[in-house]
Amino acid sequence: MVLFDHGSGRRLHWELALKFFLGHDGRWPGPNPRDTLQSKAEHLFQRQLPRSLDVSAAEPPMAPIDHRQALTRGRLFYPMPPCPPPAQAARGHQRGFWCRAAQWSTPARPVPRAFWAIPELLSDNFTAPVAPTELRDYVQRKQSVVMILTDNNAPGFLVPDTWPF
């Protein structure tokens, strides 16, 4: 995204990313384990942001960029017991938990993907708590992660027992 800051007169190149990563064995894969915090950071800083370094071939033509910035948001999900955060994590980053489906034992509310960025805003009326056996069976059968909210509104991911594949 290229913006013009009228206050400073500078042209800005912003790369925006909303991502979720789960701590696992010193790595931070996403819900889709082929996507990792490391690969996303490398892609942002080595491929996406440098695109605006050479504007001579841009269509339509554009003026040189004065400032580049990656704006990333999301949440880091920690196993139980928690692991250390990645070095690049902000001090007050948003946190959640993850656990293998076979270990889950309490009712929880599934969070539709459209609400992953703001699961705490999901109304109690939107999704009812689902029994742990149903959650476990669904995750294992689909071999897919499911974001949930606990009874105290803590966001988490239930992952198949085979995750990260």
Protein backbone atom coordinates (compact mmCIF):
# COMPACT_ATOMS: atom_id res chain seq x y z
CA MET A 1 0.00 0.00 0.00
CA VAL A 2 1.44 3.38 -1.00
CA LEU A 3 0.25 6.45 0.89
CA PHE A 4 1.00 10.14 0.80
CA ASP A 5 1.42 11.84 4.19
CA HIS A 6 0.15 15.39 3.64
CA GLY A 7 1.64 16.55 6.95
CA SER A 8 5.23 15.55 6.13
CA GLY A 9 5.00 15.43 2.33
CA ARG A 10 6.46 11.91 2.36
CA ARG A 11 5.41 8.92 0.28
CA LEU A 12 5.03 5.84 2.42
CA HIS A 13 5.02 2.16 1.49
CA TRP A 14 3.19 0.06 4.05
CA GLU A 15 2.94 -3.70 3.99
CA LEU A 16 0.11 -4.95 6.20
CA ALA A 17 -0.14 -8.44 7.65
CA LEU A 18 -2.56 -10.07 10.07
CA LYS A 19 -1.18 -13.42 11.17
CA PHE A 20 -1.46 -16.06 13.86
CA PHE A 21 1.41 -18.31 14.93
CA LEU A 22 1.62 -21.22 17.38
CA GLY A 23 4.77 -21.89 19.37
CA HIS A 24 6.05 -25.41 18.73
CA ASP A 25 9.53 -26.85 19.37
CA GLY A 26 11.29 -23.48 19.08
CA ARG A 27 9.45 -22.61 15.86
CA TRP A 28 6.31 -20.57 15.20
CA PRO A 29 4.18 -22.18 12.48
CA GLY A 30 0.78 -20.81 11.57
CA PRO A 31 -2.47 -22.75 11.73
CA ASN A 32 -1.33 -23.94 8.30
CA PRO A 33 2.15 -25.18 9.30
CA ARG A 34 3.62 -24.33 5.87
CA ASP A 35 3.29 -20.67 6.94
CA THR A 36 5.80 -19.74 9.65
CA LEU A 37 6.69 -16.56 11.49
CA GLN A 38 10.21 -16.77 10.07
CA SER A 39 9.07 -17.25 6.45
CA LYS A 40 6.49 -14.45 6.76
CA ALA A 41 9.08 -12.03 8.20
CA GLU A 42 11.57 -12.94 5.46
CA HIS A 43 8.90 -12.46 2.78
CA LEU A 44 7.87 -9.06 4.19
CA PHE A 45 11.39 -7.68 4.58
CA GLN A 46 13.20 -9.34 1.67
CA ARG A 47 10.51 -9.35 -1.02
CA GLN A 48 7.48 -7.16 -0.32
CA LEU A 49 9.04 -4.01 1.16
CA PRO A 50 11.97 -3.90 -1.34
CA ARG A 51 9.50 -3.75 -4.25
CA SER A 52 9.22 -0.01 -3.72
CA LEU A 53 13.00 0.57 -3.89
CA ASP A 54 12.91 0.74 -7.69
CA VAL A 55 9.85 2.66 -8.87
CA SER A 56 11.21 3.19 -12.41
CA ALA A 57 9.29 0.16 -13.74
CA ALA A 58 6.08 0.82 -11.80
CA GLU A 59 2.80 0.87 -13.72
CA PRO A 60 1.37 3.42 -13.45
CA PRO A 61 4.55 5.49 -12.88
CA MET A 62 5.03 6.72 -9.34
CA ALA A 63 7.32 9.02 -7.40
CA PRO A 64 10.08 7.57 -5.21
CA ILE A 65 9.09 6.18 -1.81
CA ASP A 66 10.49 8.00 1.23
CA HIS A 67 9.72 5.43 3.94
CA ARG A 68 8.91 1.71 4.12
CA GLN A 69 7.26 -0.03 7.03
CA ALA A 70 5.80 -3.44 7.86
CA LEU A 71 2.68 -3.18 10.01
CA THR A 72 1.92 -6.58 11.46
CA ARG A 73 -0.82 -7.58 13.83
CA GLY A 74 -2.07 -10.89 15.06
CA ARG A 75 -1.62 -13.15 18.02
CA LEU A 76 0.92 -15.65 19.28
CA PHE A 77 -0.55 -18.86 20.66
CA TYR A 78 1.46 -20.63 23.34
CA PRO A 79 1.44 -24.33 24.19
CA MET A 80 0.77 -25.49 27.74
CA PRO A 81 3.19 -25.14 29.45
CA PRO A 82 4.21 -21.99 27.57
CA CYS A 83 7.42 -21.61 25.60
CA PRO A 84 9.50 -18.41 25.34
CA PRO A 85 8.20 -15.81 22.86
CA PRO A 86 10.05 -15.29 19.59
CA ALA A 87 12.75 -12.60 19.69
CA GLN A 88 10.82 -10.26 17.37
CA ALA A 89 7.62 -10.29 19.48
CA ALA A 90 6.50 -6.98 20.98
CA ARG A 91 6.38 -6.92 24.78
CA GLY A 92 2.60 -6.52 25.03
CA HIS A 93 1.67 -8.75 22.11
CA GLN A 94 -1.69 -10.48 22.08
CA ARG A 95 -1.55 -14.02 23.38
CA GLY A 96 -3.61 -17.15 23.21
CA PHE A 97 -3.07 -20.84 23.87
CA TRP A 98 -3.12 -23.97 21.76
CA CYS A 99 -3.48 -27.62 22.57
CA ARG A 100 -3.92 -30.93 20.83
CA ALA A 101 -7.55 -31.92 20.38
CA ALA A 102 -7.10 -35.20 22.30
CA GLN A 103 -6.11 -33.19 25.40
CA TRP A 104 -9.12 -30.84 25.36
CA SER A 105 -11.68 -31.53 28.11
CA THR A 106 -14.02 -28.55 28.56
CA PRO A 107 -16.82 -27.01 26.48
CA ALA A 108 -15.76 -24.05 24.33
CA ARG A 109 -17.23 -21.79 21.66
CA PRO A 110 -15.85 -22.22 18.11
CA VAL A 111 -14.78 -18.95 16.51
CA PRO A 112 -15.61 -18.51 12.80
CA ARG A 113 -12.56 -17.53 10.74
CA ALA A 114 -14.07 -14.08 10.05
CA PHE A 115 -13.69 -13.34 13.80
CA TRP A 116 -10.15 -14.66 14.31
CA ALA A 117 -8.73 -11.12 14.50
CA ILE A 118 -11.17 -10.12 17.27
CA PRO A 119 -12.55 -13.30 18.86
CA GLU A 120 -13.35 -11.54 22.14
CA LEU A 121 -16.00 -9.48 20.35
CA LEU A 122 -17.92 -12.58 19.33
CA SER A 123 -21.34 -12.44 20.93
CA ASP A 124 -22.41 -15.26 23.26
CA ASN A 125 -25.51 -15.47 21.07
CA PHE A 126 -23.46 -16.15 17.92
CA THR A 127 -22.01 -19.49 18.94
CA ALA A 128 -22.99 -21.72 21.83
CA PRO A 129 -20.47 -23.78 23.78
CA VAL A 130 -19.72 -27.12 22.16
CA ALA A 131 -19.01 -30.28 24.13
CA PRO A 132 -15.34 -31.29 24.27
CA THR A 133 -16.02 -34.66 22.62
CA GLU A 134 -17.66 -32.92 19.64
CA LEU A 135 -14.75 -30.46 19.35
CA ARG A 136 -12.17 -33.26 19.51
CA ASP A 137 -14.03 -35.37 16.95
CA TYR A 138 -14.44 -32.45 14.54
CA VAL A 139 -10.78 -31.39 14.68
CA GLN A 140 -9.54 -34.97 14.25
CA ARG A 141 -11.99 -35.80 11.45
CA LYS A 142 -11.30 -32.60 9.47
CA GLN A 143 -7.56 -32.59 10.30
CA SER A 144 -7.90 -28.84 10.65
CA VAL A 145 -7.31 -26.32 13.42
CA VAL A 146 -10.28 -24.66 15.14
CA MET A 147 -10.10 -21.41 17.07
CA ILE A 148 -12.13 -21.49 20.28
CA LEU A 149 -13.04 -19.22 23.16
CA THR A 150 -13.08 -20.68 26.65
CA ASP A 151 -15.71 -19.82 29.25
CA ASN A 152 -13.47 -16.93 30.41
CA ASN A 153 -13.07 -15.65 26.80
CA ALA A 154 -9.49 -16.89 26.39
CA PRO A 155 -8.76 -17.49 22.68
CA GLY A 156 -7.08 -20.72 21.69
CA PHE A 157 -6.55 -23.18 18.89
CA LEU A 158 -7.35 -26.85 19.02
CA VAL A 159 -5.08 -28.70 16.61
CA PRO A 160 -5.19 -32.25 15.24
CA ASP A 161 -2.95 -34.70 17.06
CA THR A 162 -0.86 -34.91 13.88
CA TRP A 163 -0.25 -31.12 13.74
CA PRO A 164 2.13 -29.69 12.49
CA PHE A 165 2.04 -32.61 10.03
